Amino acid sequence: MADKQIVFSDQEQMQIEAILIDKDKDEALKYLAKLVEMLKGHAGRACGTGPVK
């Protein structure tokens, strides 16, 4: 499995800090779900967007 590097923008870092400071469980779960989607592997294509002919 390939290594992945996660880079957060300044805005995302502030959002994470706010969730932690507020101890907002619902917001934390929403953000975690978003993060999991970002981490999921996506099938890549060699080139183009269409099927190989």
PDB file of N, CA and C in Angstrom:
ATOM      1  N   MET A   1       0.848  -1.172   0.000  1.00  0.00           N
ATOM      2  CA  MET A   1       0.000   0.000   0.000  1.00  0.00           C
ATOM      3  C   MET A   1       0.896   1.238   0.000  1.00  0.00           C
ATOM      4  N   ALA A   2       0.528   2.217  -0.786  1.00  0.00           N
ATOM      5  CA  ALA A   2       1.321   3.438  -0.899  1.00  0.00           C
ATOM      6  C   ALA A   2       1.170   4.309   0.345  1.00  0.00           C
ATOM      7  N   ASP A   3       2.249   4.993   0.685  1.00  0.00           N
ATOM      8  CA  ASP A   3       2.189   5.940   1.790  1.00  0.00           C
ATOM      9  C   ASP A   3       1.408   7.163   1.341  1.00  0.00           C
ATOM     10  N   LYS A   4       0.706   7.764   2.295  1.00  0.00           N
ATOM     11  CA  LYS A   4      -0.048   8.968   1.979  1.00  0.00           C
ATOM     12  C   LYS A   4       0.404  10.073   2.909  1.00  0.00           C
ATOM     13  N   GLN A   5       0.407  11.267   2.396  1.00  0.00           N
ATOM     14  CA  GLN A   5       0.756  12.422   3.193  1.00  0.00           C
ATOM     15  C   GLN A   5      -0.466  13.327   3.232  1.00  0.00           C
ATOM     16  N   ILE A   6      -0.846  13.740   4.426  1.00  0.00           N
ATOM     17  CA  ILE A   6      -1.998  14.610   4.585  1.00  0.00           C
ATOM     18  C   ILE A   6      -1.494  16.007   4.903  1.00  0.00           C
ATOM     19  N   VAL A   7      -1.947  16.966   4.120  1.00  0.00           N
ATOM     20  CA  VAL A   7      -1.569  18.355   4.335  1.00  0.00           C
ATOM     21  C   VAL A   7      -2.859  19.142   4.559  1.00  0.00           C
ATOM     22  N   PHE A   8      -2.930  19.831   5.706  1.00  0.00           N
ATOM     23  CA  PHE A   8      -4.102  20.623   6.036  1.00  0.00           C
ATOM     24  C   PHE A   8      -3.826  22.090   5.751  1.00  0.00           C
ATOM     25  N   SER A   9      -4.821  22.761   5.214  1.00  0.00           N
ATOM     26  CA  SER A   9      -4.713  24.207   5.006  1.00  0.00           C
ATOM     27  C   SER A   9      -4.823  24.892   6.366  1.00  0.00           C
ATOM     28  N   ASP A  10      -4.499  26.174   6.392  1.00  0.00           N
ATOM     29  CA  ASP A  10      -4.628  26.935   7.638  1.00  0.00           C
ATOM     30  C   ASP A  10      -6.066  26.894   8.146  1.00  0.00           C
ATOM     31  N   GLN A  11      -7.021  27.009   7.228  1.00  0.00           N
ATOM     32  CA  GLN A  11      -8.438  26.995   7.606  1.00  0.00           C
ATOM     33  C   GLN A  11      -8.823  25.638   8.201  1.00  0.00           C
ATOM     34  N   GLU A  12      -8.353  24.557   7.591  1.00  0.00           N
ATOM     35  CA  GLU A  12      -8.649  23.223   8.119  1.00  0.00           C
ATOM     36  C   GLU A  12      -8.021  23.025   9.498  1.00  0.00           C
ATOM     37  N   GLN A  13      -6.817  23.527   9.694  1.00  0.00           N
ATOM     38  CA  GLN A  13      -6.165  23.417  10.998  1.00  0.00           C
ATOM     39  C   GLN A  13      -6.951  24.166  12.058  1.00  0.00           C
ATOM     40  N   MET A  14      -7.452  25.347  11.717  1.00  0.00           N
ATOM     41  CA  MET A  14      -8.251  26.117  12.669  1.00  0.00           C
ATOM     42  C   MET A  14      -9.556  25.391  12.986  1.00  0.00           C
ATOM     43  N   GLN A  15     -10.146  24.749  11.970  1.00  0.00           N
ATOM     44  CA  GLN A  15     -11.383  24.005  12.178  1.00  0.00           C
ATOM     45  C   GLN A  15     -11.150  22.834  13.128  1.00  0.00           C
ATOM     46  N   ILE A  16     -10.053  22.112  12.946  1.00  0.00           N
ATOM     47  CA  ILE A  16      -9.715  20.988  13.825  1.00  0.00           C
ATOM     48  C   ILE A  16      -9.493  21.484  15.251  1.00  0.00           C
ATOM     49  N   GLU A  17      -8.753  22.578  15.397  1.00  0.00           N
ATOM     50  CA  GLU A  17      -8.503  23.134  16.730  1.00  0.00           C
ATOM     51  C   GLU A  17      -9.810  23.549  17.401  1.00  0.00           C
ATOM     52  N   ALA A  18     -10.719  24.162  16.650  1.00  0.00           N
ATOM     53  CA  ALA A  18     -12.003  24.587  17.216  1.00  0.00           C
ATOM     54  C   ALA A  18     -12.813  23.384  17.690  1.00  0.00           C
ATOM     55  N   ILE A  19     -12.802  22.308  16.913  1.00  0.00           N
ATOM     56  CA  ILE A  19     -13.524  21.092  17.300  1.00  0.00           C
ATOM     57  C   ILE A  19     -12.941  20.538  18.591  1.00  0.00           C
ATOM     58  N   LEU A  20     -11.614  20.515  18.681  1.00  0.00           N
ATOM     59  CA  LEU A  20     -10.968  19.974  19.881  1.00  0.00           C
ATOM     60  C   LEU A  20     -11.215  20.852  21.105  1.00  0.00           C
ATOM     61  N   ILE A  21     -11.119  22.156  20.921  1.00  0.00           N
ATOM     62  CA  ILE A  21     -11.324  23.079  22.038  1.00  0.00           C
ATOM     63  C   ILE A  21     -12.765  23.006  22.542  1.00  0.00           C
ATOM     64  N   ASP A  22     -13.725  22.976  21.605  1.00  0.00           N
ATOM     65  CA  ASP A  22     -15.142  22.947  21.966  1.00  0.00           C
ATOM     66  C   ASP A  22     -15.608  21.565  22.433  1.00  0.00           C
ATOM     67  N   LYS A  23     -14.789  20.550  22.146  1.00  0.00           N
ATOM     68  CA  LYS A  23     -15.158  19.160  22.461  1.00  0.00           C
ATOM     69  C   LYS A  23     -16.526  18.818  21.856  1.00  0.00           C
ATOM     70  N   ASP A  24     -16.727  19.267  20.611  1.00  0.00           N
ATOM     71  CA  ASP A  24     -17.985  19.062  19.890  1.00  0.00           C
ATOM     72  C   ASP A  24     -17.957  17.698  19.199  1.00  0.00           C
ATOM     73  N   LYS A  25     -18.604  16.714  19.805  1.00  0.00           N
ATOM     74  CA  LYS A  25     -18.556  15.342  19.290  1.00  0.00           C
ATOM     75  C   LYS A  25     -19.218  15.218  17.924  1.00  0.00           C
ATOM     76  N   ASP A  26     -20.354  15.870  17.731  1.00  0.00           N
ATOM     77  CA  ASP A  26     -21.047  15.770  16.443  1.00  0.00           C
ATOM     78  C   ASP A  26     -20.208  16.357  15.315  1.00  0.00           C
ATOM     79  N   GLU A  27     -19.619  17.522  15.558  1.00  0.00           N
ATOM     80  CA  GLU A  27     -18.783  18.158  14.545  1.00  0.00           C
ATOM     81  C   GLU A  27     -17.530  17.320  14.278  1.00  0.00           C
ATOM     82  N   ALA A  28     -16.982  16.720  15.332  1.00  0.00           N
ATOM     83  CA  ALA A  28     -15.804  15.862  15.174  1.00  0.00           C
ATOM     84  C   ALA A  28     -16.121  14.652  14.299  1.00  0.00           C
ATOM     85  N   LEU A  29     -17.288  14.048  14.499  1.00  0.00           N
ATOM     86  CA  LEU A  29     -17.671  12.897  13.677  1.00  0.00           C
ATOM     87  C   LEU A  29     -17.872  13.293  12.215  1.00  0.00           C
ATOM     88  N   LYS A  30     -18.464  14.462  11.983  1.00  0.00           N
ATOM     89  CA  LYS A  30     -18.647  14.933  10.609  1.00  0.00           C
ATOM     90  C   LYS A  30     -17.293  15.142   9.936  1.00  0.00           C
ATOM     91  N   TYR A  31     -16.361  15.756  10.671  1.00  0.00           N
ATOM     92  CA  TYR A  31     -15.049  16.019  10.099  1.00  0.00           C
ATOM     93  C   TYR A  31     -14.295  14.713   9.852  1.00  0.00           C
ATOM     94  N   LEU A  32     -14.433  13.761  10.773  1.00  0.00           N
ATOM     95  CA  LEU A  32     -13.773  12.471  10.607  1.00  0.00           C
ATOM     96  C   LEU A  32     -14.303  11.749   9.367  1.00  0.00           C
ATOM     97  N   ALA A  33     -15.598  11.809   9.142  1.00  0.00           N
ATOM     98  CA  ALA A  33     -16.178  11.189   7.948  1.00  0.00           C
ATOM     99  C   ALA A  33     -15.608  11.824   6.685  1.00  0.00           C
ATOM    100  N   LYS A  34     -15.452  13.154   6.701  1.00  0.00           N
ATOM    101  CA  LYS A  34     -14.868  13.865   5.557  1.00  0.00           C
ATOM    102  C   LYS A  34     -13.411  13.440   5.351  1.00  0.00           C
ATOM    103  N   LEU A  35     -12.686  13.310   6.457  1.00  0.00           N
ATOM    104  CA  LEU A  35     -11.284  12.917   6.389  1.00  0.00           C
ATOM    105  C   LEU A  35     -11.130  11.495   5.838  1.00  0.00           C
ATOM    106  N   VAL A  36     -11.999  10.593   6.250  1.00  0.00           N
ATOM    107  CA  VAL A  36     -11.951   9.212   5.761  1.00  0.00           C
ATOM    108  C   VAL A  36     -12.163   9.188   4.249  1.00  0.00           C
ATOM    109  N   GLU A  37     -13.091  10.006   3.758  1.00  0.00           N
ATOM    110  CA  GLU A  37     -13.309  10.085   2.311  1.00  0.00           C
ATOM    111  C   GLU A  37     -12.054  10.560   1.589  1.00  0.00           C
ATOM    112  N   MET A  38     -11.346  11.507   2.200  1.00  0.00           N
ATOM    113  CA  MET A  38     -10.113  12.019   1.602  1.00  0.00           C
ATOM    114  C   MET A  38      -9.030  10.940   1.565  1.00  0.00           C
ATOM    115  N   LEU A  39      -9.037  10.049   2.546  1.00  0.00           N
ATOM    116  CA  LEU A  39      -7.998   9.030   2.651  1.00  0.00           C
ATOM    117  C   LEU A  39      -8.259   7.801   1.787  1.00  0.00           C
ATOM    118  N   LYS A  40      -9.497   7.588   1.401  1.00  0.00           N
ATOM    119  CA  LYS A  40      -9.832   6.416   0.595  1.00  0.00           C
ATOM    120  C   LYS A  40      -9.077   6.464  -0.720  1.00  0.00           C
ATOM    121  N   GLY A  41      -8.628   5.311  -1.147  1.00  0.00           N
ATOM    122  CA  GLY A  41      -7.948   5.236  -2.435  1.00  0.00           C
ATOM    123  C   GLY A  41      -8.944   5.341  -3.567  1.00  0.00           C
ATOM    124  N   HIS A  42      -8.559   6.030  -4.596  1.00  0.00           N
ATOM    125  CA  HIS A  42      -9.398   6.164  -5.778  1.00  0.00           C
ATOM    126  C   HIS A  42      -8.679   5.527  -6.949  1.00  0.00           C
ATOM    127  N   ALA A  43      -9.421   4.800  -7.717  1.00  0.00           N
ATOM    128  CA  ALA A  43      -8.832   4.152  -8.888  1.00  0.00           C
ATOM    129  C   ALA A  43      -8.360   5.214  -9.864  1.00  0.00           C
ATOM    130  N   GLY A  44      -7.113   5.140 -10.249  1.00  0.00           N
ATOM    131  CA  GLY A  44      -6.568   6.111 -11.185  1.00  0.00           C
ATOM    132  C   GLY A  44      -6.639   5.608 -12.610  1.00  0.00           C
ATOM    133  N   ARG A  45      -6.453   6.497 -13.520  1.00  0.00           N
ATOM    134  CA  ARG A  45      -6.431   6.137 -14.940  1.00  0.00           C
ATOM    135  C   ARG A  45      -5.054   6.516 -15.487  1.00  0.00           C
ATOM    136  N   ALA A  46      -4.606   5.742 -16.455  1.00  0.00           N
ATOM    137  CA  ALA A  46      -3.296   5.995 -17.037  1.00  0.00           C
ATOM    138  C   ALA A  46      -3.284   7.354 -17.739  1.00  0.00           C
ATOM    139  N   CYS A  47      -4.329   7.661 -18.476  1.00  0.00           N
ATOM    140  CA  CYS A  47      -4.441   8.951 -19.143  1.00  0.00           C
ATOM    141  C   CYS A  47      -5.876   9.165 -19.581  1.00  0.00           C
ATOM    142  N   GLY A  48      -6.290  10.384 -19.670  1.00  0.00           N
ATOM    143  CA  GLY A  48      -7.643  10.694 -20.121  1.00  0.00           C
ATOM    144  C   GLY A  48      -8.695  10.340 -19.090  1.00  0.00           C
ATOM    145  N   THR A  49      -9.942  10.553 -19.480  1.00  0.00           N
ATOM    146  CA  THR A  49     -11.050  10.278 -18.562  1.00  0.00           C
ATOM    147  C   THR A  49     -11.958   9.166 -19.067  1.00  0.00           C
ATOM    148  N   GLY A  50     -11.730   8.696 -20.250  1.00  0.00           N
ATOM    149  CA  GLY A  50     -12.603   7.680 -20.822  1.00  0.00           C
ATOM    150  C   GLY A  50     -11.974   6.298 -20.792  1.00  0.00           C
ATOM    151  N   PRO A  51     -12.742   5.288 -21.183  1.00  0.00           N
ATOM    152  CA  PRO A  51     -12.235   3.923 -21.207  1.00  0.00           C
ATOM    153  C   PRO A  51     -11.169   3.728 -22.295  1.00  0.00           C
ATOM    154  N   VAL A  52     -10.313   2.756 -22.084  1.00  0.00           N
ATOM    155  CA  VAL A  52      -9.267   2.431 -23.059  1.00  0.00           C
ATOM    156  C   VAL A  52      -9.916   1.689 -24.212  1.00  0.00           C
ATOM    157  N   LYS A  53      -9.592   2.099 -25.442  1.00  0.00           N
ATOM    158  CA  LYS A  53     -10.184   1.470 -26.637  1.00  0.00           C
ATOM    159  C   LYS A  53      -9.179   0.618 -27.335  1.00  0.00           C
TER     160      LYS A  53
END
